[in-house]
């Protein structure tokens, strides 16, 4: 049975071309630019009230030029906020689990050559325990649409939260400023961000009712 997440426009040439261009742009940033971006993103997040009040925050470990969340993690640990990072689900195709993460967490490298915690069922944190989910992205637009790496891992994993929209975590996309585009071609299953944070600004998308205009 075909996977509906892998049909048009998800696999459209335009999205593929955008991914290539935007990944090249973020990989071209210098180490100093990346360091400044990491600091700027942390400072921007500190102005977000749900972030300030969160007891459990999903983060990620930067890869392929993604903004580094090391300053964010350090802040959370200092404030005794539980932090998690995504782990490839061992049984459910193209889904993620979120495991508690701290400086002493045993790590491994997954099949995408990305570091992740060694799977430990006792460290799994369900989505319902998270107050904020910080999501990496390849591209974004002013409507909060998020272009990922193309695997649909976050879209599949977070789809269940649509059943309880009032109780779900806040979805915050994390990006460099150079990753913004005018308008992304989206599929109906794409999970938009509630907020986009870059090193220089917070972008609050227009509410759904006004996005069509």
Protein backbone atom coordinates (compact mmCIF):
# COMPACT_ATOMS: atom_id res chain seq x y z
CA UNK A 1 0.00 0.00 0.00
CA UNK A 2 1.53 3.36 -0.99
CA UNK A 3 2.45 5.82 1.73
CA UNK A 4 0.29 8.93 1.27
CA UNK A 5 3.06 11.01 2.83
CA UNK A 6 5.23 10.27 -0.21
CA UNK A 7 2.89 11.56 -2.94
CA UNK A 8 2.69 15.00 -4.54
CA UNK A 9 3.36 17.72 -3.60
CA UNK A 10 5.58 16.18 -0.90
CA UNK A 11 7.95 14.75 -3.54
CA UNK A 12 7.54 17.58 -6.04
CA UNK A 13 10.59 18.81 -7.98
CA UNK A 14 10.07 22.29 -6.54
CA UNK A 15 10.35 21.04 -2.96
CA UNK A 16 13.40 18.96 -3.85
CA UNK A 17 15.09 21.95 -5.47
CA UNK A 18 14.26 24.16 -2.50
CA UNK A 19 15.74 21.60 -0.12
CA UNK A 20 18.97 21.50 -2.06
CA UNK A 21 19.30 25.30 -2.20
CA UNK A 22 18.40 25.90 1.44
CA UNK A 23 20.61 23.11 2.77
CA UNK A 24 23.52 24.55 0.82
CA UNK A 25 22.81 28.00 2.26
CA UNK A 26 22.87 26.86 5.88
CA UNK A 27 25.93 24.64 5.36
CA UNK A 28 27.75 27.66 3.91
CA UNK A 29 27.52 29.55 7.21
CA UNK A 30 30.86 29.94 8.97
CA UNK A 31 31.54 28.47 12.43
CA UNK A 32 31.34 32.00 13.86
CA UNK A 33 28.00 32.61 12.18
CA UNK A 34 26.71 29.32 13.52
CA UNK A 35 27.89 30.19 17.02
CA UNK A 36 26.21 33.60 16.90
CA UNK A 37 23.05 32.01 15.52
CA UNK A 38 22.92 29.55 18.41
CA UNK A 39 23.20 32.37 20.94
CA UNK A 40 20.62 34.50 19.12
CA UNK A 41 18.08 31.68 18.96
CA UNK A 42 18.43 31.02 22.67
CA UNK A 43 17.88 34.71 23.42
CA UNK A 44 14.80 34.80 21.20
CA UNK A 45 13.32 31.72 22.88
CA UNK A 46 13.74 33.27 26.32
CA UNK A 47 11.13 35.85 25.28
CA UNK A 48 8.54 33.14 24.53
CA UNK A 49 6.26 32.67 27.54
CA UNK A 50 5.36 29.00 26.89
CA UNK A 51 9.07 28.25 26.63
CA UNK A 52 9.74 30.00 29.93
CA UNK A 53 6.98 28.02 31.64
CA UNK A 54 7.66 24.62 30.06
CA UNK A 55 8.63 21.66 32.23
CA UNK A 56 9.51 19.39 29.30
CA UNK A 57 10.95 20.55 25.98
CA UNK A 58 11.80 18.47 22.92
CA UNK A 59 15.04 19.64 21.31
CA UNK A 60 17.31 18.13 18.65
CA UNK A 61 21.00 17.57 17.98
CA UNK A 62 22.13 19.77 15.10
CA UNK A 63 23.15 18.19 11.81
CA UNK A 64 23.72 19.36 8.23
CA UNK A 65 24.08 23.03 9.16
CA UNK A 66 21.01 23.17 11.42
CA UNK A 67 21.11 25.77 14.21
CA UNK A 68 22.87 24.39 17.26
CA UNK A 69 20.68 24.22 20.37
CA UNK A 70 23.58 23.83 22.82
CA UNK A 71 22.85 27.18 24.56
CA UNK A 72 19.16 26.24 24.80
CA UNK A 73 20.03 22.88 26.34
CA UNK A 74 22.40 24.50 28.84
CA UNK A 75 19.67 26.92 29.90
CA UNK A 76 17.14 24.12 30.30
CA UNK A 77 19.50 22.02 32.39
CA UNK A 78 20.31 24.98 34.62
CA UNK A 79 16.58 25.52 35.15
CA UNK A 80 15.99 21.78 35.70
CA UNK A 81 13.73 21.58 32.65
CA UNK A 82 13.43 18.09 31.21
CA UNK A 83 14.87 17.93 27.69
CA UNK A 84 14.37 15.26 25.08
CA UNK A 85 15.74 14.55 21.61
CA UNK A 86 14.25 12.45 18.81
CA UNK A 87 15.19 8.82 18.25
CA UNK A 88 14.21 6.75 15.23
CA UNK A 89 11.33 4.47 16.18
CA UNK A 90 12.62 0.87 16.10
CA UNK A 91 9.35 -0.65 14.88
CA UNK A 92 7.11 2.00 13.31
CA UNK A 93 8.39 3.17 9.94
CA UNK A 94 9.39 6.82 9.69
CA UNK A 95 8.22 7.72 13.20
CA UNK A 96 10.15 9.20 16.10
CA UNK A 97 10.31 8.62 19.82
CA UNK A 98 11.47 11.33 22.22
CA UNK A 99 13.96 10.24 24.88
CA UNK A 100 15.23 12.21 27.84
CA UNK A 101 18.60 13.75 27.08
CA UNK A 102 21.30 15.20 29.34
CA UNK A 103 25.12 15.39 29.29
CA UNK A 104 25.50 11.82 30.61
CA UNK A 105 23.03 10.14 28.22
CA UNK A 106 24.58 7.13 26.41
CA UNK A 107 24.64 7.87 22.70
CA UNK A 108 24.84 6.03 19.39
CA UNK A 109 24.86 6.98 15.71
CA UNK A 110 21.74 6.06 13.74
CA UNK A 111 21.48 4.99 10.10
CA UNK A 112 21.40 8.62 8.97
CA UNK A 113 24.72 9.22 10.75
CA UNK A 114 22.98 11.40 13.35
CA UNK A 115 23.72 11.05 17.05
CA UNK A 116 20.82 9.87 19.19
CA UNK A 117 20.38 8.37 22.67
CA UNK A 118 20.68 4.62 23.03
CA UNK A 119 17.11 3.32 23.13
CA UNK A 120 15.95 2.92 26.72
CA UNK A 121 12.22 2.48 27.21
CA UNK A 122 12.42 4.02 30.69
CA UNK A 123 13.66 7.27 29.14
CA UNK A 124 10.84 7.65 26.60
CA UNK A 125 8.74 10.77 27.14
CA UNK A 126 5.30 10.71 25.47
CA UNK A 127 4.20 13.68 23.41
CA UNK A 128 1.57 14.47 26.03
CA UNK A 129 4.30 15.33 28.56
CA UNK A 130 5.92 17.90 26.32
CA UNK A 131 5.00 21.56 26.53
CA UNK A 132 7.21 22.72 23.65
CA UNK A 133 8.67 20.89 20.66
CA UNK A 134 11.60 22.58 18.93
CA UNK A 135 11.75 21.29 15.37
CA UNK A 136 14.59 21.60 12.88
CA UNK A 137 13.60 22.54 9.35
CA UNK A 138 15.06 23.14 5.92
CA UNK A 139 12.77 25.99 4.92
CA UNK A 140 9.83 28.02 6.20
CA UNK A 141 7.46 30.76 5.13
CA UNK A 142 5.57 33.53 6.91
CA UNK A 143 2.50 31.29 7.30
CA UNK A 144 4.42 28.89 9.54
CA UNK A 145 4.72 26.20 6.89
CA UNK A 146 7.74 23.99 7.44
CA UNK A 147 9.82 22.18 4.83
CA UNK A 148 11.69 19.27 6.38
CA UNK A 149 14.32 16.91 5.04
CA UNK A 150 11.71 14.96 3.09
CA UNK A 151 11.21 11.87 5.23
CA UNK A 152 8.04 13.06 6.96
CA UNK A 153 9.24 11.86 10.37
CA UNK A 154 7.90 14.84 12.33
CA UNK A 155 4.65 15.01 10.35
CA UNK A 156 3.89 11.35 11.01
CA UNK A 157 4.91 11.50 14.66
CA UNK A 158 3.00 14.69 15.48
CA UNK A 159 -0.13 13.85 13.49
CA UNK A 160 -1.73 12.26 16.56
CA UNK A 161 -1.72 15.62 18.34
CA UNK A 162 -4.42 16.92 15.97
CA UNK A 163 -6.94 14.82 17.92
CA UNK A 164 -6.42 17.03 20.99
CA UNK A 165 -5.46 20.45 19.59
CA UNK A 166 -6.03 22.26 22.88
CA UNK A 167 -3.74 19.93 24.78
CA UNK A 168 -0.89 19.54 22.33
CA UNK A 169 2.59 21.02 22.72
CA UNK A 170 3.62 24.29 21.12
CA UNK A 171 5.41 23.58 17.83
CA UNK A 172 8.35 25.92 17.28
CA UNK A 173 10.39 25.71 14.09
CA UNK A 174 14.07 26.60 14.48
CA UNK A 175 15.93 28.07 11.52
CA UNK A 176 18.55 30.43 10.22
CA UNK A 177 17.23 33.62 8.64
CA UNK A 178 18.51 32.46 5.24
CA UNK A 179 16.03 29.57 5.29
CA UNK A 180 12.92 31.70 4.76
CA UNK A 181 11.15 31.54 1.39
CA UNK A 182 8.14 33.45 0.07
CA UNK A 183 5.68 30.56 0.04
CA UNK A 184 6.15 26.82 0.40
CA UNK A 185 4.19 24.24 -1.61
CA UNK A 186 2.49 22.17 1.07
CA UNK A 187 0.61 18.89 1.41
CA UNK A 188 -2.52 18.51 3.54
CA UNK A 189 -0.71 16.38 6.12
CA UNK A 190 2.12 18.88 6.70
CA UNK A 191 2.22 20.07 10.31
CA UNK A 192 2.66 23.87 10.42
CA UNK A 193 4.60 25.61 13.15
CA UNK A 194 2.93 27.76 15.80
CA UNK A 195 6.03 29.93 15.89
CA UNK A 196 9.30 30.23 13.97
CA UNK A 197 12.45 31.31 15.78
CA UNK A 198 15.56 32.56 14.00
CA UNK A 199 18.69 34.23 15.42
CA UNK A 200 17.13 37.67 14.91
CA UNK A 201 13.37 37.33 15.28
CA UNK A 202 10.26 35.48 16.29
CA UNK A 203 7.74 34.91 13.51
CA UNK A 204 4.14 34.37 14.58
CA UNK A 205 2.23 32.94 11.62
CA UNK A 206 -1.15 34.30 10.65
CA UNK A 207 -4.08 32.43 12.24
CA UNK A 208 -5.55 29.67 10.02
CA UNK A 209 -8.64 31.71 9.05
CA UNK A 210 -6.52 34.41 7.46
CA UNK A 211 -3.99 32.22 5.68
CA UNK A 212 -5.94 31.82 2.49
CA UNK A 213 -5.96 35.41 1.46
